Amino acid sequence: MEKKRVVQFLLILVILSVFISVPMVFAISDAYKGNIYQPGPLKPIDSKLKVKVGDPAPDFSLASISGEKISLGQYRGEKNVVLSFVPAAWTPVCSDQWPGYNIVKDLFNQYEAILLGITVDNTPTLFAWTNQMGQLWFPVLSDFWPHGAVAKKYGVLRSDGVSERALIVIDKKGIIRYIDVRDINKRPPLENLMSALESLNK
């Protein structure tokens, strides 16, 4: 068991070293040149959570960029779920955060977890934006209408109508096990999320 943990730790270190380099890769990408909106520094957090660890996760159903409806409930009993709320398409931190999760797909699989990416942007905008990232392995969902309804339900809708940068881990029973509402100007540390997923098996 100890050997397995060492191997997992070394794997995470290797992946983190790659993950850290992602912003540089996207910063020089021709697909993004001139297309990233720079909002400048924003108020770190501008909402009040309506959920807490131990609560049943509020259910929802949203349109994905693939055209299908995705509900939280469809994963009940099958998968742990990570909700990744990001503020807006075509912004710097968001455009680095989601491609980085592509690099660690195997770790999500290891912890029997699915990632659901959620923003308040409309579906066509999300379709165009994520196409520039390459093929993402996880569903990308539009919380556009009613505007920000899911973000509001969780208490991560900001006063300007975008969502916080937030990660919420939900176990197979539909219970919230981890919440990280991050400074909107910074990308959440990957190691914190992986630790939260690992703790689901304890």
N, C-alpha and C. Protein backbone atom coordinates (compact mmCIF):
# COMPACT_ATOMS: atom_id res chain seq x y z
N MET A 1 0.84 -1.20 0.00
CA MET A 1 0.00 0.00 0.00
C MET A 1 0.87 1.25 0.00
N GLU A 2 1.97 1.23 0.82
CA GLU A 2 2.88 2.36 0.90
C GLU A 2 3.57 2.60 -0.43
N LYS A 3 3.95 1.51 -1.09
CA LYS A 3 4.60 1.62 -2.40
C LYS A 3 3.66 2.28 -3.41
N LYS A 4 2.39 1.90 -3.35
CA LYS A 4 1.39 2.47 -4.26
C LYS A 4 1.28 3.98 -4.06
N ARG A 5 1.32 4.41 -2.79
CA ARG A 5 1.22 5.85 -2.50
C ARG A 5 2.44 6.60 -3.03
N VAL A 6 3.61 6.00 -2.92
CA VAL A 6 4.82 6.64 -3.43
C VAL A 6 4.73 6.81 -4.94
N VAL A 7 4.26 5.76 -5.62
CA VAL A 7 4.11 5.82 -7.07
C VAL A 7 3.12 6.91 -7.46
N GLN A 8 2.00 6.98 -6.73
CA GLN A 8 1.00 8.01 -7.01
C GLN A 8 1.58 9.40 -6.81
N PHE A 9 2.37 9.56 -5.73
CA PHE A 9 2.97 10.86 -5.44
C PHE A 9 3.93 11.27 -6.54
N LEU A 10 4.75 10.33 -7.00
CA LEU A 10 5.71 10.63 -8.07
C LEU A 10 4.98 10.98 -9.36
N LEU A 11 3.87 10.27 -9.65
CA LEU A 11 3.08 10.55 -10.83
C LEU A 11 2.51 11.96 -10.79
N ILE A 12 2.01 12.35 -9.62
CA ILE A 12 1.46 13.69 -9.47
C ILE A 12 2.54 14.74 -9.67
N LEU A 13 3.74 14.50 -9.14
CA LEU A 13 4.84 15.45 -9.31
C LEU A 13 5.18 15.65 -10.78
N VAL A 14 5.23 14.54 -11.52
CA VAL A 14 5.53 14.63 -12.95
C VAL A 14 4.45 15.41 -13.68
N ILE A 15 3.19 15.09 -13.37
CA ILE A 15 2.07 15.77 -14.03
C ILE A 15 2.03 17.24 -13.66
N LEU A 16 2.34 17.55 -12.40
CA LEU A 16 2.35 18.95 -11.98
C LEU A 16 3.40 19.75 -12.74
N SER A 17 4.55 19.13 -12.98
CA SER A 17 5.61 19.83 -13.70
C SER A 17 5.15 20.19 -15.11
N VAL A 18 4.35 19.30 -15.72
CA VAL A 18 3.80 19.58 -17.04
C VAL A 18 2.69 20.62 -16.93
N PHE A 19 1.84 20.45 -15.89
CA PHE A 19 0.69 21.32 -15.70
C PHE A 19 1.12 22.77 -15.54
N ILE A 20 2.23 22.99 -14.83
CA ILE A 20 2.72 24.34 -14.60
C ILE A 20 3.13 25.01 -15.90
N SER A 21 3.55 24.20 -16.87
CA SER A 21 4.00 24.76 -18.14
C SER A 21 2.86 25.10 -19.09
N VAL A 22 1.64 24.69 -18.75
CA VAL A 22 0.50 24.92 -19.65
C VAL A 22 0.29 26.38 -20.00
N PRO A 23 0.34 27.33 -19.03
CA PRO A 23 0.13 28.72 -19.40
C PRO A 23 1.09 29.19 -20.48
N MET A 24 2.36 28.76 -20.42
CA MET A 24 3.33 29.15 -21.42
C MET A 24 2.94 28.63 -22.79
N VAL A 25 2.46 27.39 -22.83
CA VAL A 25 2.05 26.80 -24.09
C VAL A 25 0.93 27.60 -24.72
N PHE A 26 -0.08 27.95 -23.91
CA PHE A 26 -1.22 28.66 -24.46
C PHE A 26 -0.92 30.13 -24.71
N ALA A 27 0.05 30.67 -23.98
CA ALA A 27 0.41 32.07 -24.19
C ALA A 27 0.99 32.29 -25.57
N ILE A 28 1.64 31.27 -26.14
CA ILE A 28 2.26 31.45 -27.45
C ILE A 28 1.43 30.81 -28.57
N SER A 29 0.27 30.27 -28.23
CA SER A 29 -0.57 29.62 -29.22
C SER A 29 -1.16 30.65 -30.18
N ASP A 30 -1.01 30.41 -31.51
CA ASP A 30 -1.58 31.32 -32.50
C ASP A 30 -3.10 31.41 -32.37
N ALA A 31 -3.72 30.30 -31.93
CA ALA A 31 -5.18 30.28 -31.81
C ALA A 31 -5.68 31.30 -30.79
N TYR A 32 -4.83 31.60 -29.79
CA TYR A 32 -5.25 32.50 -28.74
C TYR A 32 -4.76 33.93 -28.93
N LYS A 33 -3.76 34.13 -29.79
CA LYS A 33 -3.19 35.47 -29.95
C LYS A 33 -4.27 36.48 -30.34
N GLY A 34 -4.37 37.52 -29.55
CA GLY A 34 -5.32 38.57 -29.84
C GLY A 34 -6.75 38.24 -29.50
N ASN A 35 -7.00 37.04 -28.96
CA ASN A 35 -8.38 36.61 -28.68
C ASN A 35 -8.71 36.56 -27.19
N ILE A 36 -7.73 36.75 -26.33
CA ILE A 36 -7.96 36.67 -24.90
C ILE A 36 -8.26 38.06 -24.33
N TYR A 37 -9.40 38.18 -23.73
CA TYR A 37 -9.79 39.44 -23.09
C TYR A 37 -9.09 39.57 -21.74
N GLN A 38 -8.49 40.72 -21.50
CA GLN A 38 -7.77 40.96 -20.25
C GLN A 38 -8.63 41.83 -19.33
N PRO A 39 -9.30 41.23 -18.35
CA PRO A 39 -10.18 42.03 -17.49
C PRO A 39 -9.44 42.83 -16.43
N GLY A 40 -8.14 42.54 -16.24
CA GLY A 40 -7.41 43.19 -15.16
C GLY A 40 -7.74 42.54 -13.83
N PRO A 41 -7.10 42.96 -12.75
CA PRO A 41 -7.35 42.36 -11.42
C PRO A 41 -8.81 42.54 -11.00
N LEU A 42 -9.39 41.47 -10.49
CA LEU A 42 -10.79 41.50 -10.05
C LEU A 42 -10.88 41.25 -8.54
N LYS A 43 -11.97 41.64 -7.95
CA LYS A 43 -12.21 41.35 -6.54
C LYS A 43 -12.09 39.85 -6.35
N PRO A 44 -11.24 39.38 -5.44
CA PRO A 44 -10.97 37.94 -5.32
C PRO A 44 -12.20 37.06 -5.20
N ILE A 45 -13.12 37.43 -4.29
CA ILE A 45 -14.36 36.65 -4.11
C ILE A 45 -15.51 37.64 -3.93
N ASP A 46 -16.62 37.37 -4.61
CA ASP A 46 -17.74 38.32 -4.61
C ASP A 46 -19.08 37.58 -4.55
N SER A 47 -19.16 36.62 -3.65
CA SER A 47 -20.42 35.87 -3.49
C SER A 47 -20.41 35.21 -2.12
N LYS A 48 -21.54 34.63 -1.77
CA LYS A 48 -21.64 33.94 -0.48
C LYS A 48 -22.17 32.53 -0.72
N LEU A 49 -21.39 31.54 -0.32
CA LEU A 49 -21.78 30.15 -0.55
C LEU A 49 -23.14 29.83 0.06
N LYS A 50 -23.91 29.01 -0.66
CA LYS A 50 -25.20 28.54 -0.15
C LYS A 50 -25.15 27.07 0.20
N VAL A 51 -23.97 26.44 0.02
CA VAL A 51 -23.80 25.02 0.35
C VAL A 51 -22.56 24.88 1.22
N LYS A 52 -22.47 23.73 1.89
CA LYS A 52 -21.28 23.45 2.70
C LYS A 52 -20.95 21.97 2.60
N VAL A 53 -19.75 21.62 3.00
CA VAL A 53 -19.33 20.22 3.00
C VAL A 53 -20.28 19.42 3.89
N GLY A 54 -20.75 18.29 3.36
CA GLY A 54 -21.71 17.45 4.08
C GLY A 54 -23.13 17.61 3.59
N ASP A 55 -23.39 18.67 2.84
CA ASP A 55 -24.74 18.89 2.28
C ASP A 55 -24.96 18.01 1.05
N PRO A 56 -26.21 17.62 0.80
CA PRO A 56 -26.52 17.01 -0.50
C PRO A 56 -26.32 18.08 -1.58
N ALA A 57 -25.69 17.71 -2.67
CA ALA A 57 -25.44 18.67 -3.75
C ALA A 57 -26.73 18.99 -4.48
N PRO A 58 -27.06 20.26 -4.67
CA PRO A 58 -28.26 20.61 -5.44
C PRO A 58 -28.18 20.04 -6.86
N ASP A 59 -29.24 19.39 -7.29
CA ASP A 59 -29.24 18.79 -8.63
C ASP A 59 -29.45 19.88 -9.67
N PHE A 60 -29.08 19.57 -10.89
CA PHE A 60 -29.27 20.51 -12.00
C PHE A 60 -29.19 19.75 -13.31
N SER A 61 -29.65 20.41 -14.36
CA SER A 61 -29.54 19.88 -15.71
C SER A 61 -29.19 21.05 -16.63
N LEU A 62 -28.09 20.91 -17.38
CA LEU A 62 -27.63 21.99 -18.25
C LEU A 62 -27.30 21.46 -19.63
N ALA A 63 -27.38 22.35 -20.61
CA ALA A 63 -26.99 22.00 -21.98
C ALA A 63 -25.47 21.96 -22.08
N SER A 64 -24.97 20.95 -22.80
CA SER A 64 -23.54 20.85 -23.04
C SER A 64 -23.23 21.30 -24.46
N ILE A 65 -21.96 21.55 -24.74
CA ILE A 65 -21.60 22.00 -26.08
C ILE A 65 -21.76 20.89 -27.11
N SER A 66 -21.91 19.65 -26.64
CA SER A 66 -22.15 18.54 -27.57
C SER A 66 -23.60 18.46 -28.00
N GLY A 67 -24.46 19.25 -27.34
CA GLY A 67 -25.87 19.28 -27.68
C GLY A 67 -26.75 18.47 -26.75
N GLU A 68 -26.15 17.66 -25.89
CA GLU A 68 -26.96 16.86 -24.96
C GLU A 68 -27.12 17.56 -23.63
N LYS A 69 -28.18 17.20 -22.93
CA LYS A 69 -28.40 17.71 -21.58
C LYS A 69 -27.64 16.82 -20.60
N ILE A 70 -26.95 17.44 -19.67
CA ILE A 70 -26.21 16.72 -18.64
C ILE A 70 -26.80 17.10 -17.29
N SER A 71 -27.12 16.09 -16.50
CA SER A 71 -27.62 16.37 -15.14
C SER A 71 -26.64 15.80 -14.12
N LEU A 72 -26.60 16.42 -12.97
CA LEU A 72 -25.75 15.90 -11.89
C LEU A 72 -26.24 14.53 -11.46
N GLY A 73 -27.55 14.37 -11.41
CA GLY A 73 -28.14 13.12 -10.92
C GLY A 73 -27.78 11.90 -11.74
N GLN A 74 -27.42 12.08 -13.01
CA GLN A 74 -27.13 10.91 -13.85
C GLN A 74 -25.86 10.17 -13.41
N TYR A 75 -25.04 10.84 -12.57
CA TYR A 75 -23.81 10.20 -12.10
C TYR A 75 -23.95 9.57 -10.72
N ARG A 76 -25.13 9.74 -10.13
CA ARG A 76 -25.36 9.21 -8.77
C ARG A 76 -25.13 7.70 -8.74
N GLY A 77 -24.30 7.26 -7.82
CA GLY A 77 -24.01 5.85 -7.67
C GLY A 77 -23.00 5.32 -8.67
N GLU A 78 -22.59 6.16 -9.63
CA GLU A 78 -21.67 5.71 -10.69
C GLU A 78 -20.31 6.39 -10.61
N LYS A 79 -20.32 7.70 -10.39
CA LYS A 79 -19.08 8.49 -10.45
C LYS A 79 -19.05 9.53 -9.34
N ASN A 80 -17.83 9.80 -8.85
CA ASN A 80 -17.62 11.03 -8.11
C ASN A 80 -17.63 12.17 -9.13
N VAL A 81 -18.05 13.35 -8.71
CA VAL A 81 -18.18 14.47 -9.66
C VAL A 81 -17.39 15.67 -9.14
N VAL A 82 -16.66 16.30 -10.04
CA VAL A 82 -16.00 17.56 -9.74
C VAL A 82 -16.66 18.64 -10.59
N LEU A 83 -17.26 19.63 -9.93
CA LEU A 83 -17.80 20.78 -10.64
C LEU A 83 -16.71 21.84 -10.71
N SER A 84 -16.38 22.26 -11.91
CA SER A 84 -15.39 23.33 -12.10
C SER A 84 -16.11 24.54 -12.67
N PHE A 85 -16.46 25.47 -11.77
CA PHE A 85 -17.04 26.74 -12.21
C PHE A 85 -15.90 27.68 -12.57
N VAL A 86 -15.95 28.26 -13.77
CA VAL A 86 -14.99 29.30 -14.14
C VAL A 86 -15.76 30.52 -14.61
N PRO A 87 -15.19 31.71 -14.44
CA PRO A 87 -15.95 32.94 -14.68
C PRO A 87 -16.42 33.15 -16.11
N ALA A 88 -15.49 33.06 -17.08
CA ALA A 88 -15.89 33.44 -18.43
C ALA A 88 -14.96 32.89 -19.49
N ALA A 89 -15.53 32.62 -20.65
CA ALA A 89 -14.73 32.21 -21.81
C ALA A 89 -13.81 33.34 -22.24
N TRP A 90 -12.74 32.97 -22.92
CA TRP A 90 -11.81 33.93 -23.56
C TRP A 90 -11.14 34.85 -22.55
N THR A 91 -10.93 34.35 -21.34
CA THR A 91 -10.18 35.11 -20.33
C THR A 91 -8.95 34.31 -19.94
N PRO A 92 -7.89 34.95 -19.42
CA PRO A 92 -6.59 34.32 -19.29
C PRO A 92 -6.54 33.07 -18.41
N VAL A 93 -6.96 33.17 -17.16
CA VAL A 93 -6.81 32.04 -16.24
C VAL A 93 -7.71 30.88 -16.66
N CYS A 94 -8.92 31.19 -17.05
CA CYS A 94 -9.87 30.15 -17.49
C CYS A 94 -9.34 29.39 -18.70
N SER A 95 -8.69 30.10 -19.60
CA SER A 95 -8.20 29.49 -20.83
C SER A 95 -7.01 28.58 -20.59
N ASP A 96 -6.39 28.69 -19.42
CA ASP A 96 -5.31 27.78 -19.03
C ASP A 96 -5.81 26.64 -18.14
N GLN A 97 -6.80 26.93 -17.31
CA GLN A 97 -7.22 25.97 -16.29
C GLN A 97 -7.78 24.69 -16.88
N TRP A 98 -8.74 24.79 -17.78
CA TRP A 98 -9.38 23.59 -18.32
C TRP A 98 -8.47 22.74 -19.18
N PRO A 99 -7.64 23.32 -20.07
CA PRO A 99 -6.71 22.46 -20.82
C PRO A 99 -5.77 21.69 -19.90
N GLY A 100 -5.45 22.29 -18.75
CA GLY A 100 -4.58 21.60 -17.81
C GLY A 100 -5.18 20.31 -17.29
N TYR A 101 -6.51 20.27 -17.17
CA TYR A 101 -7.17 19.05 -16.67
C TYR A 101 -7.09 17.91 -17.69
N ASN A 102 -6.88 18.25 -18.96
CA ASN A 102 -6.67 17.20 -19.96
C ASN A 102 -5.44 16.37 -19.64
N ILE A 103 -4.42 17.03 -19.10
CA ILE A 103 -3.16 16.35 -18.81
C ILE A 103 -3.32 15.31 -17.70
N VAL A 104 -4.28 15.54 -16.79
CA VAL A 104 -4.43 14.65 -15.64
C VAL A 104 -5.69 13.80 -15.73
N LYS A 105 -6.16 13.53 -16.92
CA LYS A 105 -7.36 12.71 -17.09
C LYS A 105 -7.22 11.37 -16.38
N ASP A 106 -6.04 10.75 -16.44
CA ASP A 106 -5.84 9.43 -15.82
C ASP A 106 -6.04 9.47 -14.31
N LEU A 107 -5.70 10.61 -13.69
CA LEU A 107 -5.91 10.71 -12.25
C LEU A 107 -7.40 10.80 -11.92
N PHE A 108 -8.16 11.52 -12.72
CA PHE A 108 -9.61 11.55 -12.52
C PHE A 108 -10.18 10.14 -12.66
N ASN A 109 -9.71 9.42 -13.67
CA ASN A 109 -10.17 8.05 -13.87
C ASN A 109 -9.82 7.17 -12.67
N GLN A 110 -8.62 7.37 -12.16
CA GLN A 110 -8.17 6.57 -11.01
C GLN A 110 -9.09 6.74 -9.81
N TYR A 111 -9.60 7.96 -9.64
CA TYR A 111 -10.48 8.25 -8.51
C TYR A 111 -11.96 8.14 -8.89
N GLU A 112 -12.23 7.53 -10.05
CA GLU A 112 -13.60 7.32 -10.52
C GLU A 112 -14.39 8.62 -10.51
N ALA A 113 -13.78 9.64 -11.09
CA ALA A 113 -14.39 10.97 -11.06
C ALA A 113 -14.59 11.51 -12.47
N ILE A 114 -15.68 12.22 -12.64
CA ILE A 114 -15.96 12.96 -13.88
C ILE A 114 -15.88 14.45 -13.54
N LEU A 115 -15.34 15.21 -14.45
CA LEU A 115 -15.27 16.66 -14.29
C LEU A 115 -16.38 17.28 -15.14
N LEU A 116 -17.10 18.24 -14.58
CA LEU A 116 -18.09 19.00 -15.32
C LEU A 116 -17.67 20.46 -15.31
N GLY A 117 -17.31 20.99 -16.48
CA GLY A 117 -16.93 22.39 -16.59
C GLY A 117 -18.16 23.25 -16.80
N ILE A 118 -18.30 24.31 -16.01
CA ILE A 118 -19.51 25.14 -16.06
C ILE A 118 -19.14 26.63 -16.11
N THR A 119 -19.74 27.35 -17.07
CA THR A 119 -19.65 28.81 -17.08
C THR A 119 -21.02 29.38 -17.42
N VAL A 120 -21.16 30.70 -17.24
CA VAL A 120 -22.42 31.36 -17.55
C VAL A 120 -22.50 31.80 -19.03
N ASP A 121 -21.48 31.45 -19.81
CA ASP A 121 -21.48 31.81 -21.24
C ASP A 121 -22.52 30.99 -22.00
N ASN A 122 -22.95 31.51 -23.15
CA ASN A 122 -23.89 30.74 -23.97
C ASN A 122 -23.16 29.62 -24.72
N THR A 123 -23.91 28.68 -25.23
CA THR A 123 -23.33 27.49 -25.86
C THR A 123 -22.45 27.80 -27.07
N PRO A 124 -22.87 28.67 -28.00
CA PRO A 124 -22.00 28.96 -29.14
C PRO A 124 -20.65 29.54 -28.73
N THR A 125 -20.66 30.42 -27.72
CA THR A 125 -19.40 30.99 -27.23
C THR A 125 -18.50 29.91 -26.66
N LEU A 126 -19.08 29.03 -25.85
CA LEU A 126 -18.31 27.93 -25.26
C LEU A 126 -17.78 26.98 -26.32
N PHE A 127 -18.58 26.73 -27.34
CA PHE A 127 -18.16 25.85 -28.42
C PHE A 127 -16.92 26.41 -29.12
N ALA A 128 -16.96 27.70 -29.46
CA ALA A 128 -15.83 28.32 -30.15
C ALA A 128 -14.59 28.38 -29.26
N TRP A 129 -14.79 28.72 -28.01
CA TRP A 129 -13.67 28.85 -27.06
C TRP A 129 -12.98 27.51 -26.82
N THR A 130 -13.76 26.49 -26.51
CA THR A 130 -13.15 25.20 -26.19
C THR A 130 -12.56 24.53 -27.42
N ASN A 131 -13.05 24.86 -28.61
CA ASN A 131 -12.43 24.33 -29.83
C ASN A 131 -10.98 24.77 -29.95
N GLN A 132 -10.67 25.95 -29.43
CA GLN A 132 -9.29 26.44 -29.47
C GLN A 132 -8.39 25.70 -28.49
N MET A 133 -8.98 25.01 -27.53
CA MET A 133 -8.21 24.28 -26.52
C MET A 133 -7.81 22.89 -27.01
N GLY A 134 -8.42 22.42 -28.09
CA GLY A 134 -8.25 21.03 -28.46
C GLY A 134 -9.40 20.23 -27.87
N GLN A 135 -9.33 18.94 -27.96
CA GLN A 135 -10.42 18.08 -27.50
C GLN A 135 -10.39 17.91 -25.99
N LEU A 136 -11.36 18.48 -25.30
CA LEU A 136 -11.46 18.28 -23.85
C LEU A 136 -12.18 16.96 -23.58
N TRP A 137 -11.75 16.24 -22.57
CA TRP A 137 -12.34 14.92 -22.29
C TRP A 137 -13.61 15.01 -21.46
N PHE A 138 -13.89 16.17 -20.91
CA PHE A 138 -15.02 16.30 -19.98
C PHE A 138 -16.12 17.18 -20.58
N PRO A 139 -17.36 17.01 -20.12
CA PRO A 139 -18.45 17.84 -20.62
C PRO A 139 -18.29 19.30 -20.20
N VAL A 140 -18.59 20.20 -21.12
CA VAL A 140 -18.59 21.64 -20.84
C VAL A 140 -20.04 22.12 -20.93
N LEU A 141 -20.50 22.73 -19.85
CA LEU A 141 -21.92 23.05 -19.70
C LEU A 141 -22.17 24.55 -19.65
N SER A 142 -23.28 24.96 -20.25
CA SER A 142 -23.66 26.38 -20.28
C SER A 142 -24.73 26.67 -19.23
N ASP A 143 -24.38 27.55 -18.30
CA ASP A 143 -25.31 28.02 -17.26
C ASP A 143 -25.84 29.40 -17.65
N PHE A 144 -26.12 29.54 -18.95
CA PHE A 144 -26.46 30.85 -19.49
C PHE A 144 -27.90 31.29 -19.18
N TRP A 145 -28.85 30.31 -19.32
CA TRP A 145 -30.25 30.72 -19.12
C TRP A 145 -31.06 29.64 -18.43
N PRO A 146 -31.84 29.97 -17.39
CA PRO A 146 -31.85 31.27 -16.72
C PRO A 146 -30.44 31.64 -16.25
N HIS A 147 -30.05 32.86 -16.46
CA HIS A 147 -28.65 33.23 -16.33
C HIS A 147 -28.06 32.89 -14.96
N GLY A 148 -27.03 32.02 -14.99
CA GLY A 148 -26.30 31.69 -13.78
C GLY A 148 -27.12 30.97 -12.73
N ALA A 149 -28.18 30.29 -13.14
CA ALA A 149 -29.09 29.66 -12.17
C ALA A 149 -28.39 28.61 -11.31
N VAL A 150 -27.52 27.82 -11.91
CA VAL A 150 -26.82 26.78 -11.15
C VAL A 150 -25.78 27.41 -10.23
N ALA A 151 -25.02 28.36 -10.77
CA ALA A 151 -24.04 29.07 -9.94
C ALA A 151 -24.73 29.73 -8.74
N LYS A 152 -25.89 30.31 -9.00
CA LYS A 152 -26.64 30.96 -7.92
C LYS A 152 -27.11 29.94 -6.88
N LYS A 153 -27.53 28.78 -7.36
CA LYS A 153 -28.00 27.71 -6.47
C LYS A 153 -26.90 27.28 -5.49
N TYR A 154 -25.67 27.27 -5.98
CA TYR A 154 -24.54 26.88 -5.14
C TYR A 154 -23.94 28.06 -4.37
N GLY A 155 -24.34 29.27 -4.75
CA GLY A 155 -23.83 30.45 -4.06
C GLY A 155 -22.48 30.92 -4.60
N VAL A 156 -22.25 30.69 -5.91
CA VAL A 156 -20.98 31.13 -6.50
C VAL A 156 -21.21 32.09 -7.67
N LEU A 157 -22.38 32.73 -7.72
CA LEU A 157 -22.64 33.73 -8.75
C LEU A 157 -22.25 35.10 -8.21
N ARG A 158 -21.36 35.76 -8.92
CA ARG A 158 -20.87 37.07 -8.49
C ARG A 158 -21.87 38.17 -8.86
N SER A 159 -21.67 39.34 -8.27
CA SER A 159 -22.61 40.45 -8.48
C SER A 159 -22.59 40.98 -9.91
N ASP A 160 -21.51 40.69 -10.66
CA ASP A 160 -21.44 41.15 -12.05
C ASP A 160 -21.97 40.11 -13.04
N GLY A 161 -22.51 38.99 -12.53
CA GLY A 161 -23.16 38.01 -13.39
C GLY A 161 -22.29 36.87 -13.86
N VAL A 162 -20.99 36.85 -13.51
CA VAL A 162 -20.16 35.69 -13.81
C VAL A 162 -20.02 34.86 -12.55
N SER A 163 -19.52 33.64 -12.69
CA SER A 163 -19.37 32.79 -11.51
C SER A 163 -17.98 32.97 -10.90
N GLU A 164 -17.87 32.52 -9.68
CA GLU A 164 -16.56 32.45 -9.04
C GLU A 164 -15.72 31.37 -9.73
N ARG A 165 -14.43 31.38 -9.41
CA ARG A 165 -13.58 30.26 -9.81
C ARG A 165 -13.66 29.26 -8.66
N ALA A 166 -14.42 28.20 -8.86
CA ALA A 166 -14.73 27.30 -7.75
C ALA A 166 -14.66 25.84 -8.17
N LEU A 167 -14.20 25.00 -7.27
CA LEU A 167 -14.20 23.55 -7.45
C LEU A 167 -15.03 22.94 -6.33
N ILE A 168 -15.95 22.07 -6.70
CA ILE A 168 -16.80 21.39 -5.72
C ILE A 168 -16.77 19.90 -6.03
N VAL A 169 -16.36 19.12 -5.04
CA VAL A 169 -16.26 17.66 -5.21
C VAL A 169 -17.48 17.02 -4.55
N ILE A 170 -18.15 16.17 -5.32
CA ILE A 170 -19.38 15.50 -4.88
C ILE A 170 -19.16 14.00 -4.99
N ASP A 171 -19.45 13.26 -3.93
CA ASP A 171 -19.20 11.82 -3.98
C ASP A 171 -20.34 11.08 -4.69
N LYS A 172 -20.20 9.78 -4.80
CA LYS A 172 -21.17 8.98 -5.56
C LYS A 172 -22.56 8.98 -4.93
N LYS A 173 -22.63 9.35 -3.66
CA LYS A 173 -23.92 9.41 -2.99
C LYS A 173 -24.58 10.78 -3.16
N GLY A 174 -23.88 11.70 -3.84
CA GLY A 174 -24.44 13.03 -4.07
C GLY A 174 -24.18 14.00 -2.94
N ILE A 175 -23.18 13.69 -2.09
CA ILE A 175 -22.85 14.55 -0.95
C ILE A 175 -21.61 15.39 -1.27
N ILE A 176 -21.67 16.67 -0.94
CA ILE A 176 -20.52 17.55 -1.15
C ILE A 176 -19.42 17.20 -0.16
N ARG A 177 -18.24 16.93 -0.68
CA ARG A 177 -17.11 16.53 0.17
C ARG A 177 -15.96 17.53 0.19
N TYR A 178 -15.97 18.49 -0.73
CA TYR A 178 -14.87 19.45 -0.79
C TYR A 178 -15.35 20.69 -1.56
N ILE A 179 -14.99 21.86 -1.05
CA ILE A 179 -15.32 23.12 -1.72
C ILE A 179 -14.08 24.00 -1.71
N ASP A 180 -13.74 24.53 -2.86
CA ASP A 180 -12.63 25.49 -2.95
C ASP A 180 -13.09 26.64 -3.83
N VAL A 181 -13.47 27.75 -3.19
CA VAL A 181 -13.79 28.96 -3.92
C VAL A 181 -12.51 29.79 -3.93
N ARG A 182 -11.90 29.84 -5.08
CA ARG A 182 -10.55 30.38 -5.23
C ARG A 182 -10.58 31.86 -5.60
N ASP A 183 -9.54 32.59 -5.23
CA ASP A 183 -9.33 33.95 -5.75
C ASP A 183 -9.52 33.88 -7.27
N ILE A 184 -10.46 34.65 -7.78
CA ILE A 184 -10.82 34.57 -9.20
C ILE A 184 -9.63 34.86 -10.12
N ASN A 185 -8.62 35.53 -9.60
CA ASN A 185 -7.46 35.89 -10.40
C ASN A 185 -6.41 34.78 -10.47
N LYS A 186 -6.64 33.67 -9.74
CA LYS A 186 -5.62 32.61 -9.65
C LYS A 186 -6.20 31.25 -9.98
N ARG A 187 -5.37 30.38 -10.54
CA ARG A 187 -5.81 29.02 -10.86
C ARG A 187 -5.71 28.15 -9.61
N PRO A 188 -6.70 27.30 -9.36
CA PRO A 188 -6.67 26.44 -8.17
C PRO A 188 -5.51 25.44 -8.24
N PRO A 189 -4.84 25.20 -7.11
CA PRO A 189 -3.76 24.21 -7.10
C PRO A 189 -4.29 22.81 -7.39
N LEU A 190 -3.67 22.15 -8.34
CA LEU A 190 -4.10 20.81 -8.72
C LEU A 190 -3.95 19.82 -7.57
N GLU A 191 -2.87 19.96 -6.80
CA GLU A 191 -2.61 18.99 -5.73
C GLU A 191 -3.71 18.99 -4.68
N ASN A 192 -4.34 20.16 -4.43
CA ASN A 192 -5.44 20.22 -3.46
C ASN A 192 -6.63 19.40 -3.94
N LEU A 193 -6.93 19.53 -5.22
CA LEU A 193 -8.06 18.77 -5.80
C LEU A 193 -7.78 17.28 -5.76
N MET A 194 -6.57 16.88 -6.12
CA MET A 194 -6.24 15.45 -6.11
C MET A 194 -6.30 14.87 -4.70
N SER A 195 -5.88 15.65 -3.71
CA SER A 195 -5.98 15.20 -2.31
C SER A 195 -7.44 15.02 -1.91
N ALA A 196 -8.28 15.93 -2.37
CA ALA A 196 -9.72 15.82 -2.06
C ALA A 196 -10.30 14.57 -2.68
N LEU A 197 -9.92 14.26 -3.92
CA LEU A 197 -10.43 13.06 -4.58
C LEU A 197 -9.91 11.79 -3.91
N GLU A 198 -8.66 11.83 -3.50
CA GLU A 198 -8.08 10.65 -2.83
C GLU A 198 -8.81 10.38 -1.51
N SER A 199 -9.21 11.43 -0.83
CA SER A 199 -9.86 11.27 0.47
C SER A 199 -11.23 10.59 0.35
N LEU A 200 -11.82 10.59 -0.85
CA LEU A 200 -13.12 9.95 -1.05
C LEU A 200 -13.05 8.45 -0.82
N ASN A 201 -11.86 7.88 -1.00
CA ASN A 201 -11.71 6.43 -0.85
C ASN A 201 -11.35 6.01 0.57
N LYS A 202 -11.26 6.98 1.47
CA LYS A 202 -10.88 6.64 2.84
C LYS A 202 -12.10 6.40 3.70
